[in-house]
Amino acid sequence: MKKTLFFFLLLARISFAQFEFTDIGAKAIGLNGAFTSMANNSLAIFYNPSGLGQMKFGEFSAFYSPAPFGLPELSVQALTYAQPTKFGVLGAGIKNYGFDLYREFNFILSYANVYKKKIYLGLNVNYFNLSIKNYNSASSFGLDAGAMIYMNKYLRWGFMGKNVTGATIGVSKEKLAQIYRTGLNYQPADNINLMFEIEKDVKFPVSIRGGFEYSILDYVDLRAGVGSEPTSFTGGFGFYFNVFQLDYAINKSPDLGITHNGTLTLNFGGMKGRKLIRQQLKNAFE
C-alpha cells in the first residue's frame, strides 16, 4: 500500500508543475505555512524575501523533513543563511526534494531592504535543476518578488509572487509552479501572533490558511495552524537557548497521514535578537 501511494504521489508530482511550493521550516509549518506576513527568520527566503529586511543579526538554519506521509522518497532538506549589511540584507538558500529516481534542487540568492522602517521589499533569484533517472536533467532560472508593509503597531501585511517571470524547464518547456500569496499578521502583544493568508497557485484552487503563535516567557513558542485545499492541520513548538533555536512541527493530512519536520537555527543575536524581532512592529511606530 505504501509503495502504491508513493508512486501515485510521484506521478502526480511529474504530471503537474515541477517545483510546486513545499512548506519549508518547522516554524512556518507549525503555522500551516501562514508565514508570508510574518517572515521574520532566514527561512523567509521561501515565503517572502522582503521579510529578510527585518533581520538585525546573521542567521543560519537547517531544515529536515525525513519522510512526508511516511515516505522517505519524498524527503525535503533545506539550508538558509541571512546576513544584514549597511546596504540591506543578503540571503542564500538551497532546497533538495526527492531521491535517486526523481530529484528537484533549488538554489536561491536573495536581497531585501526597508524604507522608513515600515515598507520592505525583497527579491529572489532562483536556479532550478530537475533530474529524473534515465531521462537526464534540465535547469532553469526564475525570479520571486515580495513586499511587506507595517500598517500600524499591531498589523502587518505581506505578499509574495513565486516565479513571477513564468520560468519553464526542459525541452517541453514545462511551466514551473507560479504561486501568489498574501496575508495579514495581527500582533496584539509581543508574545501573540495571529495569521490569516490566501494562496493561489495558477493551476489549483485558492487555499486559505490560518496560524496562531503564543510565546511563553522568552524561551518557548507554541504554534497551531489550519489550511484548506488540501485540508490540513498543523502544530508545533520552538525552544530558544542563547544563540540556538530548535523548532518542531507536525502536519496532519486527513487523507495522507502525518509528517514530522524539524529545524535547527543559529541566530548570532541570541536572546537580544529574539527580543528585537518580537518588538520590531511596535517599535516602528514609536
C-alpha atoms as a PDB file:
ATOM      1  CA  MET A   1       0.000   0.000   0.000  1.00  0.00           C
ATOM      2  CA  LYS A   2       2.811   2.398   0.880  1.00  0.00           C
ATOM      3  CA  LYS A   3       4.586   1.774  -2.442  1.00  0.00           C
ATOM      4  CA  THR A   4       1.313   2.319  -4.323  1.00  0.00           C
ATOM      5  CA  LEU A   5       0.787   5.624  -2.533  1.00  0.00           C
ATOM      6  CA  PHE A   6       4.370   6.673  -3.258  1.00  0.00           C
ATOM      7  CA  PHE A   7       4.147   6.048  -6.995  1.00  0.00           C
ATOM      8  CA  PHE A   8       0.788   7.825  -7.093  1.00  0.00           C
ATOM      9  CA  LEU A   9       2.321  10.877  -5.423  1.00  0.00           C
ATOM     10  CA  LEU A  10       5.359  10.757  -7.702  1.00  0.00           C
ATOM     11  CA  LEU A  11       3.178  10.511 -10.807  1.00  0.00           C
ATOM     12  CA  ALA A  12       1.106  13.457  -9.626  1.00  0.00           C
ATOM     13  CA  ARG A  13       4.291  15.438  -8.980  1.00  0.00           C
ATOM     14  CA  ILE A  14       5.565  14.880 -12.511  1.00  0.00           C
ATOM     15  CA  SER A  15       2.174  15.384 -14.181  1.00  0.00           C
ATOM     16  CA  PHE A  16       1.656  18.875 -12.749  1.00  0.00           C
ATOM     17  CA  ALA A  17       4.090  21.760 -12.438  1.00  0.00           C
ATOM     18  CA  GLN A  18       7.513  20.982 -11.037  1.00  0.00           C
ATOM     19  CA  PHE A  19       8.906  22.869  -8.040  1.00  0.00           C
ATOM     20  CA  GLU A  20       5.475  23.401  -6.549  1.00  0.00           C
ATOM     21  CA  PHE A  21       5.572  25.240  -3.264  1.00  0.00           C
ATOM     22  CA  THR A  22       6.604  22.931  -0.417  1.00  0.00           C
ATOM     23  CA  ASP A  23       6.383  24.439   3.059  1.00  0.00           C
ATOM     24  CA  ILE A  24       9.887  24.802   4.471  1.00  0.00           C
ATOM     25  CA  GLY A  25      10.838  25.391   8.096  1.00  0.00           C
ATOM     26  CA  ALA A  26       9.230  23.940  11.206  1.00  0.00           C
ATOM     27  CA  LYS A  27       8.184  27.371  12.487  1.00  0.00           C
ATOM     28  CA  ALA A  28       6.246  28.186   9.315  1.00  0.00           C
ATOM     29  CA  ILE A  29       4.836  24.653   9.026  1.00  0.00           C
ATOM     30  CA  GLY A  30       3.554  24.854  12.605  1.00  0.00           C
ATOM     31  CA  LEU A  31       1.532  27.869  11.393  1.00  0.00           C
ATOM     32  CA  ASN A  32       0.287  25.864   8.374  1.00  0.00           C
ATOM     33  CA  GLY A  33       2.507  27.923   6.093  1.00  0.00           C
ATOM     34  CA  ALA A  34       0.752  31.200   7.001  1.00  0.00           C
ATOM     35  CA  PHE A  35       4.123  32.915   7.226  1.00  0.00           C
ATOM     36  CA  THR A  36       4.113  35.442   4.367  1.00  0.00           C
ATOM     37  CA  SER A  37       3.142  38.376   6.579  1.00  0.00           C
ATOM     38  CA  MET A  38       5.480  37.398   9.430  1.00  0.00           C
ATOM     39  CA  ALA A  39       8.582  36.039   7.616  1.00  0.00           C
ATOM     40  CA  ASN A  40      10.990  37.031  10.381  1.00  0.00           C
ATOM     41  CA  ASN A  41      13.795  34.468  10.052  1.00  0.00           C
ATOM     42  CA  SER A  42      16.229  33.319   7.369  1.00  0.00           C
ATOM     43  CA  LEU A  43      13.627  30.850   6.000  1.00  0.00           C
ATOM     44  CA  ALA A  44      11.674  33.900   4.823  1.00  0.00           C
ATOM     45  CA  ILE A  45      13.571  33.237   1.587  1.00  0.00           C
ATOM     46  CA  PHE A  46      10.918  30.614   0.788  1.00  0.00           C
ATOM     47  CA  TYR A  47       7.874  32.632   1.927  1.00  0.00           C
ATOM     48  CA  ASN A  48       8.564  36.325   1.400  1.00  0.00           C
ATOM     49  CA  PRO A  49      12.101  37.570   0.696  1.00  0.00           C
ATOM     50  CA  SER A  50      11.175  41.080   1.848  1.00  0.00           C
ATOM     51  CA  GLY A  51      10.868  39.670   5.380  1.00  0.00           C
ATOM     52  CA  LEU A  52      14.657  39.254   5.467  1.00  0.00           C
ATOM     53  CA  GLY A  53      14.829  43.054   5.761  1.00  0.00           C
ATOM     54  CA  GLN A  54      13.528  42.736   9.323  1.00  0.00           C
ATOM     55  CA  MET A  55      16.625  40.843  10.470  1.00  0.00           C
ATOM     56  CA  LYS A  56      19.229  42.595  12.613  1.00  0.00           C
ATOM     57  CA  PHE A  57      21.681  39.706  13.062  1.00  0.00           C
ATOM     58  CA  GLY A  58      23.123  36.959  10.910  1.00  0.00           C
ATOM     59  CA  GLU A  59      21.278  33.653  10.992  1.00  0.00           C
ATOM     60  CA  PHE A  60      21.787  30.102   9.723  1.00  0.00           C
ATOM     61  CA  SER A  61      19.009  27.453   9.594  1.00  0.00           C
ATOM     62  CA  ALA A  62      18.904  23.767   8.648  1.00  0.00           C
ATOM     63  CA  PHE A  63      15.531  22.146   7.926  1.00  0.00           C
ATOM     64  CA  TYR A  64      14.731  18.453   7.516  1.00  0.00           C
ATOM     65  CA  SER A  65      11.512  16.601   6.779  1.00  0.00           C
ATOM     66  CA  PRO A  66      12.673  12.960   6.671  1.00  0.00           C
ATOM     67  CA  ALA A  67       9.575  11.102   5.466  1.00  0.00           C
ATOM     68  CA  PRO A  68       6.494  13.124   4.429  1.00  0.00           C
ATOM     69  CA  PHE A  69       3.388  10.917   4.792  1.00  0.00           C
ATOM     70  CA  GLY A  70       5.732   8.140   5.965  1.00  0.00           C
ATOM     71  CA  LEU A  71       7.626   8.039   2.651  1.00  0.00           C
ATOM     72  CA  PRO A  72      11.397   8.746   2.814  1.00  0.00           C
ATOM     73  CA  GLU A  73      11.433   9.039  -1.007  1.00  0.00           C
ATOM     74  CA  LEU A  74       9.645  12.410  -0.576  1.00  0.00           C
ATOM     75  CA  SER A  75      12.122  13.824   1.925  1.00  0.00           C
ATOM     76  CA  VAL A  76      12.964  17.539   1.898  1.00  0.00           C
ATOM     77  CA  GLN A  77      16.129  19.244   3.131  1.00  0.00           C
ATOM     78  CA  ALA A  78      16.941  22.952   3.152  1.00  0.00           C
ATOM     79  CA  LEU A  79      19.694  25.294   4.345  1.00  0.00           C
ATOM     80  CA  THR A  80      19.395  29.078   4.586  1.00  0.00           C
ATOM     81  CA  TYR A  81      21.632  31.953   5.629  1.00  0.00           C
ATOM     82  CA  ALA A  82      20.850  35.652   6.036  1.00  0.00           C
ATOM     83  CA  GLN A  83      23.324  38.460   6.700  1.00  0.00           C
ATOM     84  CA  PRO A  84      22.379  42.104   7.388  1.00  0.00           C
ATOM     85  CA  THR A  85      24.675  44.720   5.844  1.00  0.00           C
ATOM     86  CA  LYS A  86      24.572  48.510   5.612  1.00  0.00           C
ATOM     87  CA  PHE A  87      23.181  48.086   2.076  1.00  0.00           C
ATOM     88  CA  GLY A  88      20.330  45.744   3.069  1.00  0.00           C
ATOM     89  CA  VAL A  89      20.030  42.074   3.987  1.00  0.00           C
ATOM     90  CA  LEU A  90      21.584  39.380   1.794  1.00  0.00           C
ATOM     91  CA  GLY A  91      20.342  35.808   1.867  1.00  0.00           C
ATOM     92  CA  ALA A  92      21.038  32.432   0.304  1.00  0.00           C
ATOM     93  CA  GLY A  93      19.232  29.119   0.429  1.00  0.00           C
ATOM     94  CA  ILE A  94      19.191  25.634  -1.031  1.00  0.00           C
ATOM     95  CA  LYS A  95      16.375  23.095  -1.105  1.00  0.00           C
ATOM     96  CA  ASN A  96      16.565  19.446  -2.097  1.00  0.00           C
ATOM     97  CA  TYR A  97      13.472  17.308  -2.695  1.00  0.00           C
ATOM     98  CA  GLY A  98      13.155  13.655  -3.696  1.00  0.00           C
ATOM     99  CA  PHE A  99      15.532  10.702  -4.096  1.00  0.00           C
ATOM    100  CA  ASP A 100      17.662   8.970  -6.754  1.00  0.00           C
ATOM    101  CA  LEU A 101      14.863   8.439  -9.290  1.00  0.00           C
ATOM    102  CA  TYR A 102      13.386  11.920  -9.080  1.00  0.00           C
ATOM    103  CA  ARG A 103      15.102  14.964  -7.599  1.00  0.00           C
ATOM    104  CA  GLU A 104      14.424  18.700  -7.514  1.00  0.00           C
ATOM    105  CA  PHE A 105      17.216  21.086  -6.485  1.00  0.00           C
ATOM    106  CA  ASN A 106      16.696  24.808  -5.920  1.00  0.00           C
ATOM    107  CA  PHE A 107      19.418  27.379  -5.176  1.00  0.00           C
ATOM    108  CA  ILE A 108      18.329  30.899  -4.193  1.00  0.00           C
ATOM    109  CA  LEU A 109      20.070  34.256  -3.783  1.00  0.00           C
ATOM    110  CA  SER A 110      18.031  36.941  -2.008  1.00  0.00           C
ATOM    111  CA  TYR A 111      18.144  40.640  -1.262  1.00  0.00           C
ATOM    112  CA  ALA A 112      15.851  42.760   0.932  1.00  0.00           C
ATOM    113  CA  ASN A 113      15.748  46.347   2.146  1.00  0.00           C
ATOM    114  CA  VAL A 114      13.470  48.671   4.093  1.00  0.00           C
ATOM    115  CA  TYR A 115      12.143  52.194   3.570  1.00  0.00           C
ATOM    116  CA  LYS A 116      11.348  54.343   6.617  1.00  0.00           C
ATOM    117  CA  LYS A 117      11.171  51.286   8.917  1.00  0.00           C
ATOM    118  CA  LYS A 118       7.746  50.288   7.568  1.00  0.00           C
ATOM    119  CA  ILE A 119       7.990  49.275   3.897  1.00  0.00           C
ATOM    120  CA  TYR A 120      10.034  46.199   2.990  1.00  0.00           C
ATOM    121  CA  LEU A 121      10.861  44.904  -0.480  1.00  0.00           C
ATOM    122  CA  GLY A 122      12.685  41.736  -1.477  1.00  0.00           C
ATOM    123  CA  LEU A 123      13.758  39.683  -4.476  1.00  0.00           C
ATOM    124  CA  ASN A 124      14.873  36.071  -5.059  1.00  0.00           C
ATOM    125  CA  VAL A 125      16.945  34.826  -7.970  1.00  0.00           C
ATOM    126  CA  ASN A 126      16.338  31.079  -8.381  1.00  0.00           C
ATOM    127  CA  TYR A 127      18.320  28.327 -10.061  1.00  0.00           C
ATOM    128  CA  PHE A 128      16.243  25.179 -10.633  1.00  0.00           C
ATOM    129  CA  ASN A 129      17.550  21.738 -11.551  1.00  0.00           C
ATOM    130  CA  LEU A 130      15.292  18.754 -12.209  1.00  0.00           C
ATOM    131  CA  SER A 131      16.745  15.250 -12.541  1.00  0.00           C
ATOM    132  CA  ILE A 132      14.767  12.104 -13.492  1.00  0.00           C
ATOM    133  CA  LYS A 133      16.726   8.876 -13.727  1.00  0.00           C
ATOM    134  CA  ASN A 134      17.198   7.654 -17.318  1.00  0.00           C
ATOM    135  CA  TYR A 135      15.809  10.975 -18.609  1.00  0.00           C
ATOM    136  CA  ASN A 136      18.846  13.167 -17.876  1.00  0.00           C
ATOM    137  CA  SER A 137      18.284  16.566 -16.232  1.00  0.00           C
ATOM    138  CA  ALA A 138      17.215  20.115 -17.032  1.00  0.00           C
ATOM    139  CA  SER A 139      17.818  23.539 -15.496  1.00  0.00           C
ATOM    140  CA  SER A 140      16.151  26.933 -15.444  1.00  0.00           C
ATOM    141  CA  PHE A 141      16.188  30.357 -13.759  1.00  0.00           C
ATOM    142  CA  GLY A 142      13.355  32.411 -12.298  1.00  0.00           C
ATOM    143  CA  LEU A 143      12.521  35.324 -10.001  1.00  0.00           C
ATOM    144  CA  ASP A 144      10.376  35.703  -6.887  1.00  0.00           C
ATOM    145  CA  ALA A 145       9.266  39.076  -5.522  1.00  0.00           C
ATOM    146  CA  GLY A 146       7.957  40.027  -2.101  1.00  0.00           C
ATOM    147  CA  ALA A 147       6.684  43.017  -0.158  1.00  0.00           C
ATOM    148  CA  MET A 148       5.725  43.752   3.437  1.00  0.00           C
ATOM    149  CA  ILE A 149       4.112  46.821   4.993  1.00  0.00           C
ATOM    150  CA  TYR A 150       3.784  47.666   8.674  1.00  0.00           C
ATOM    151  CA  MET A 151       0.251  49.103   8.707  1.00  0.00           C
ATOM    152  CA  ASN A 152       0.139  50.050  12.388  1.00  0.00           C
ATOM    153  CA  LYS A 153       1.789  48.845  15.608  1.00  0.00           C
ATOM    154  CA  TYR A 154      -0.435  45.756  15.663  1.00  0.00           C
ATOM    155  CA  LEU A 155      -0.763  44.784  11.993  1.00  0.00           C
ATOM    156  CA  ARG A 156       1.458  43.958   9.043  1.00  0.00           C
ATOM    157  CA  TRP A 157       0.659  42.841   5.507  1.00  0.00           C
ATOM    158  CA  GLY A 158       2.771  40.577   3.327  1.00  0.00           C
ATOM    159  CA  PHE A 159       2.810  39.481  -0.311  1.00  0.00           C
ATOM    160  CA  MET A 160       4.920  37.077  -2.356  1.00  0.00           C
ATOM    161  CA  GLY A 161       4.866  36.156  -6.024  1.00  0.00           C
ATOM    162  CA  LYS A 162       6.750  32.920  -6.727  1.00  0.00           C
ATOM    163  CA  ASN A 163       8.146  32.531 -10.252  1.00  0.00           C
ATOM    164  CA  VAL A 164       6.776  35.904 -11.380  1.00  0.00           C
ATOM    165  CA  THR A 165       8.819  35.555 -14.580  1.00  0.00           C
ATOM    166  CA  GLY A 166       6.931  32.394 -15.602  1.00  0.00           C
ATOM    167  CA  ALA A 167      10.050  30.237 -15.896  1.00  0.00           C
ATOM    168  CA  THR A 168       9.852  26.921 -17.761  1.00  0.00           C
ATOM    169  CA  ILE A 169      12.097  23.855 -17.737  1.00  0.00           C
ATOM    170  CA  GLY A 170      13.124  21.106 -20.162  1.00  0.00           C
ATOM    171  CA  VAL A 171      12.741  20.717 -23.907  1.00  0.00           C
ATOM    172  CA  SER A 172       8.959  20.564 -23.469  1.00  0.00           C
ATOM    173  CA  LYS A 173       9.020  23.991 -21.775  1.00  0.00           C
ATOM    174  CA  GLU A 174       7.050  22.705 -18.784  1.00  0.00           C
ATOM    175  CA  LYS A 175       5.984  25.743 -16.778  1.00  0.00           C
ATOM    176  CA  LEU A 176       7.260  25.782 -13.224  1.00  0.00           C
ATOM    177  CA  ALA A 177       4.831  26.434 -10.389  1.00  0.00           C
ATOM    178  CA  GLN A 178       3.612  30.035 -10.258  1.00  0.00           C
ATOM    179  CA  ILE A 179       2.124  30.917  -6.876  1.00  0.00           C
ATOM    180  CA  TYR A 180       0.867  34.105  -5.244  1.00  0.00           C
ATOM    181  CA  ARG A 181       0.417  34.542  -1.505  1.00  0.00           C
ATOM    182  CA  THR A 182      -0.885  37.403   0.608  1.00  0.00           C
ATOM    183  CA  GLY A 183      -1.867  37.691   4.232  1.00  0.00           C
ATOM    184  CA  LEU A 184      -2.075  39.644   7.465  1.00  0.00           C
ATOM    185  CA  ASN A 185      -0.246  39.226  10.768  1.00  0.00           C
ATOM    186  CA  TYR A 186      -2.055  40.653  13.795  1.00  0.00           C
ATOM    187  CA  GLN A 187       0.175  41.077  16.854  1.00  0.00           C
ATOM    188  CA  PRO A 188      -1.890  42.352  19.814  1.00  0.00           C
ATOM    189  CA  ALA A 189       1.031  41.746  22.193  1.00  0.00           C
ATOM    190  CA  ASP A 190       4.727  40.900  21.886  1.00  0.00           C
ATOM    191  CA  ASN A 191       4.027  37.240  22.680  1.00  0.00           C
ATOM    192  CA  ILE A 192       0.940  36.657  20.474  1.00  0.00           C
ATOM    193  CA  ASN A 193       0.726  36.371  16.692  1.00  0.00           C
ATOM    194  CA  LEU A 194      -2.354  35.619  14.591  1.00  0.00           C
ATOM    195  CA  MET A 195      -2.008  34.962  10.852  1.00  0.00           C
ATOM    196  CA  PHE A 196      -4.520  34.798   8.002  1.00  0.00           C
ATOM    197  CA  GLU A 197      -3.372  34.055   4.469  1.00  0.00           C
ATOM    198  CA  ILE A 198      -4.648  33.336   0.968  1.00  0.00           C
ATOM    199  CA  GLU A 199      -2.625  31.319  -1.548  1.00  0.00           C
ATOM    200  CA  LYS A 200      -3.308  30.910  -5.285  1.00  0.00           C
ATOM    201  CA  ASP A 201      -1.372  28.507  -7.436  1.00  0.00           C
ATOM    202  CA  VAL A 202      -2.337  29.392 -11.011  1.00  0.00           C
ATOM    203  CA  LYS A 203      -3.145  25.703 -11.674  1.00  0.00           C
ATOM    204  CA  PHE A 204      -5.097  24.968  -8.493  1.00  0.00           C
ATOM    205  CA  PRO A 205      -7.988  26.362  -6.408  1.00  0.00           C
ATOM    206  CA  VAL A 206      -7.474  29.086  -3.823  1.00  0.00           C
ATOM    207  CA  SER A 207      -6.131  27.853  -0.491  1.00  0.00           C
ATOM    208  CA  ILE A 208      -6.854  29.611   2.808  1.00  0.00           C
ATOM    209  CA  ARG A 209      -4.545  29.243   5.801  1.00  0.00           C
ATOM    210  CA  GLY A 210      -4.510  30.444   9.371  1.00  0.00           C
ATOM    211  CA  GLY A 211      -1.943  30.259  12.153  1.00  0.00           C
ATOM    212  CA  PHE A 212      -1.523  31.088  15.836  1.00  0.00           C
ATOM    213  CA  GLU A 213       1.650  31.525  17.887  1.00  0.00           C
ATOM    214  CA  TYR A 214       1.942  32.083  21.628  1.00  0.00           C
ATOM    215  CA  SER A 215       5.279  32.713  23.343  1.00  0.00           C
ATOM    216  CA  ILE A 216       5.851  31.597  26.927  1.00  0.00           C
ATOM    217  CA  LEU A 217       8.384  33.905  28.565  1.00  0.00           C
ATOM    218  CA  ASP A 218      11.411  34.189  26.250  1.00  0.00           C
ATOM    219  CA  TYR A 219      12.150  30.504  25.759  1.00  0.00           C
ATOM    220  CA  VAL A 220       9.189  28.633  24.254  1.00  0.00           C
ATOM    221  CA  ASP A 221       6.797  29.230  21.356  1.00  0.00           C
ATOM    222  CA  LEU A 222       3.626  27.187  20.847  1.00  0.00           C
ATOM    223  CA  ARG A 223       2.057  27.091  17.367  1.00  0.00           C
ATOM    224  CA  ALA A 224      -1.015  25.766  15.579  1.00  0.00           C
ATOM    225  CA  GLY A 225      -2.477  26.147  12.097  1.00  0.00           C
ATOM    226  CA  VAL A 226      -5.208  25.028   9.731  1.00  0.00           C
ATOM    227  CA  GLY A 227      -5.492  25.122   5.942  1.00  0.00           C
ATOM    228  CA  SER A 228      -7.780  24.267   3.044  1.00  0.00           C
ATOM    229  CA  GLU A 229      -7.168  22.889  -0.472  1.00  0.00           C
ATOM    230  CA  PRO A 230      -5.943  20.472   0.701  1.00  0.00           C
ATOM    231  CA  THR A 231      -7.337  20.304   4.210  1.00  0.00           C
ATOM    232  CA  SER A 232      -4.530  20.090   6.764  1.00  0.00           C
ATOM    233  CA  PHE A 233      -3.887  20.665  10.450  1.00  0.00           C
ATOM    234  CA  THR A 234      -0.539  21.567  11.968  1.00  0.00           C
ATOM    235  CA  GLY A 235       1.041  22.209  15.318  1.00  0.00           C
ATOM    236  CA  GLY A 236       4.468  22.701  16.762  1.00  0.00           C
ATOM    237  CA  PHE A 237       6.779  24.402  19.197  1.00  0.00           C
ATOM    238  CA  GLY A 238      10.111  26.211  19.390  1.00  0.00           C
ATOM    239  CA  PHE A 239      12.759  26.209  22.131  1.00  0.00           C
ATOM    240  CA  TYR A 240      15.300  29.015  22.484  1.00  0.00           C
ATOM    241  CA  PHE A 241      18.590  28.913  24.349  1.00  0.00           C
ATOM    242  CA  ASN A 242      21.118  31.691  23.833  1.00  0.00           C
ATOM    243  CA  VAL A 243      22.003  31.676  20.108  1.00  0.00           C
ATOM    244  CA  PHE A 244      20.323  28.325  19.426  1.00  0.00           C
ATOM    245  CA  GLN A 245      16.738  27.621  18.393  1.00  0.00           C
ATOM    246  CA  LEU A 246      15.113  24.221  17.872  1.00  0.00           C
ATOM    247  CA  ASP A 247      11.714  24.028  16.153  1.00  0.00           C
ATOM    248  CA  TYR A 248       9.465  21.036  15.596  1.00  0.00           C
ATOM    249  CA  ALA A 249       6.208  20.798  13.634  1.00  0.00           C
ATOM    250  CA  ILE A 250       3.728  18.101  12.755  1.00  0.00           C
ATOM    251  CA  ASN A 251       1.477  18.228   9.701  1.00  0.00           C
ATOM    252  CA  LYS A 252      -1.688  16.100   9.636  1.00  0.00           C
ATOM    253  CA  SER A 253      -3.471  15.375   6.361  1.00  0.00           C
ATOM    254  CA  PRO A 254      -6.853  13.573   6.680  1.00  0.00           C
ATOM    255  CA  ASP A 255      -6.057  11.529   3.544  1.00  0.00           C
ATOM    256  CA  LEU A 256      -2.285  11.005   3.637  1.00  0.00           C
ATOM    257  CA  GLY A 257      -1.366  10.940   7.326  1.00  0.00           C
ATOM    258  CA  ILE A 258       1.301  12.643   9.429  1.00  0.00           C
ATOM    259  CA  THR A 259       4.539  14.404   8.524  1.00  0.00           C
ATOM    260  CA  HIS A 260       7.271  15.330  11.044  1.00  0.00           C
ATOM    261  CA  ASN A 261       9.520  18.364  10.475  1.00  0.00           C
ATOM    262  CA  GLY A 262      12.471  19.870  12.314  1.00  0.00           C
ATOM    263  CA  THR A 263      14.633  22.992  12.074  1.00  0.00           C
ATOM    264  CA  LEU A 264      17.850  23.892  13.877  1.00  0.00           C
ATOM    265  CA  THR A 265      18.718  27.595  13.839  1.00  0.00           C
ATOM    266  CA  LEU A 266      21.760  29.581  14.901  1.00  0.00           C
ATOM    267  CA  ASN A 267      20.985  33.304  15.337  1.00  0.00           C
ATOM    268  CA  PHE A 268      24.037  35.381  16.230  1.00  0.00           C
ATOM    269  CA  GLY A 269      21.911  37.917  18.099  1.00  0.00           C
ATOM    270  CA  GLY A 270      20.878  35.371  20.704  1.00  0.00           C
ATOM    271  CA  MET A 271      18.103  36.391  23.077  1.00  0.00           C
ATOM    272  CA  LYS A 272      18.697  40.063  22.252  1.00  0.00           C
ATOM    273  CA  GLY A 273      17.898  39.335  18.613  1.00  0.00           C
ATOM    274  CA  ARG A 274      14.754  37.425  19.598  1.00  0.00           C
ATOM    275  CA  LYS A 275      13.525  40.344  21.704  1.00  0.00           C
ATOM    276  CA  LEU A 276      14.179  42.865  18.926  1.00  0.00           C
ATOM    277  CA  ILE A 277      12.300  40.855  16.291  1.00  0.00           C
ATOM    278  CA  ARG A 278       9.299  40.396  18.586  1.00  0.00           C
ATOM    279  CA  GLN A 279       9.094  44.143  19.284  1.00  0.00           C
ATOM    280  CA  GLN A 280      10.008  45.392  15.818  1.00  0.00           C
ATOM    281  CA  LEU A 281       6.444  46.041  14.630  1.00  0.00           C
ATOM    282  CA  LYS A 282       5.551  48.103  17.693  1.00  0.00           C
ATOM    283  CA  ASN A 283       8.890  49.953  17.717  1.00  0.00           C
ATOM    284  CA  ALA A 284       8.427  51.102  14.108  1.00  0.00           C
ATOM    285  CA  PHE A 285       5.629  53.418  15.237  1.00  0.00           C
ATOM    286  CA  GLU A 286       7.344  54.878  18.304  1.00  0.00           C
END
